[in-house]
Amino acid sequence: MEVKTLLEIIQKNPTAFPQRYKFYHTALLRKFPFMIHYAVNEEKLGIAIISVLHTSRDPKSGMKDQNNNQTVL
């Protein structure tokens, strides 16, 4: 699945993919070994892409809180 197609699916139905971490859902790209990590904001009916990481990398490396540089899993 290409990035653009997967982002469109996430946008239409953000809870369709599993919630793997405390606040984040993940969606796996099929063509490449990458995973999109995103948060769902139910109040604003939107999503925030947190990171797109290679599946062999530690997801904590790409999920730092912008305000205090702490991992937010």
Protein backbone atom coordinates (compact mmCIF):
# COMPACT_ATOMS: atom_id res chain seq x y z
CA MET A 1 0.00 0.00 0.00
CA GLU A 2 1.42 3.36 -0.94
CA VAL A 3 1.82 6.17 1.60
CA LYS A 4 -0.80 8.42 0.00
CA THR A 5 -3.40 5.64 -0.15
CA LEU A 6 -2.77 4.60 3.42
CA LEU A 7 -3.01 8.20 4.66
CA GLU A 8 -6.37 8.55 2.88
CA ILE A 9 -7.63 5.40 4.61
CA ILE A 10 -6.39 6.64 8.00
CA GLN A 11 -8.06 10.00 7.42
CA LYS A 12 -11.42 8.40 6.55
CA ASN A 13 -11.37 5.89 9.41
CA PRO A 14 -8.62 6.66 11.94
CA THR A 15 -9.62 3.93 14.39
CA ALA A 16 -9.44 1.18 11.76
CA PHE A 17 -5.84 0.43 12.66
CA PRO A 18 -4.70 -0.98 16.01
CA GLN A 19 -3.75 1.18 18.94
CA ARG A 20 -0.31 -0.17 19.83
CA TYR A 21 0.90 2.37 22.32
CA LYS A 22 -0.72 4.51 24.99
CA PHE A 23 -1.94 7.22 22.61
CA TYR A 24 -0.91 6.04 19.14
CA HIS A 25 -2.28 3.91 16.36
CA THR A 26 -0.05 2.26 13.78
CA ALA A 27 -0.56 1.40 10.12
CA LEU A 28 1.87 -0.78 8.21
CA LEU A 29 2.91 0.02 4.65
CA ARG A 30 2.98 -3.15 2.58
CA LYS A 31 5.41 -2.10 -0.14
CA PHE A 32 8.13 -1.01 2.26
CA PRO A 33 8.91 -2.11 5.81
CA PHE A 34 7.66 1.17 7.27
CA MET A 35 4.97 1.91 9.82
CA ILE A 36 2.98 5.13 10.24
CA HIS A 37 2.46 6.11 13.88
CA TYR A 38 -0.39 8.55 14.44
CA ALA A 39 -2.65 10.00 17.11
CA VAL A 40 -6.40 10.47 16.84
CA ASN A 41 -7.93 13.70 18.12
CA GLU A 42 -11.57 12.75 18.59
CA GLU A 43 -12.59 16.23 19.76
CA LYS A 44 -11.34 17.91 16.57
CA LEU A 45 -12.07 14.87 14.42
CA GLY A 46 -8.54 14.80 13.10
CA ILE A 47 -5.28 12.90 13.13
CA ALA A 48 -1.67 13.84 13.75
CA ILE A 49 1.11 11.87 12.10
CA ILE A 50 3.74 11.30 14.76
CA SER A 51 6.31 9.43 12.71
CA VAL A 52 6.97 7.11 9.80
CA LEU A 53 9.60 4.62 10.89
CA HIS A 54 11.34 1.59 9.46
CA THR A 55 9.99 -1.46 11.26
CA SER A 56 13.46 -2.54 12.39
CA ARG A 57 13.98 0.74 14.31
CA ASP A 58 12.97 1.38 17.88
CA PRO A 59 9.67 3.32 17.73
CA LYS A 60 10.69 5.31 20.81
CA SER A 61 13.39 7.00 18.73
CA GLY A 62 10.81 8.85 16.66
CA MET A 63 8.23 9.59 19.33
CA LYS A 64 9.62 12.39 21.42
CA ASP A 65 7.33 15.02 22.91
CA GLN A 66 8.14 18.27 21.13
CA ASN A 67 7.83 20.28 24.37
CA ASN A 68 10.03 18.35 26.78
CA ASN A 69 11.90 15.80 24.62
CA GLN A 70 10.48 12.83 26.55
CA THR A 71 9.26 9.65 24.92
CA VAL A 72 5.48 9.70 24.81
CA LEU A 73 4.54 6.02 24.57
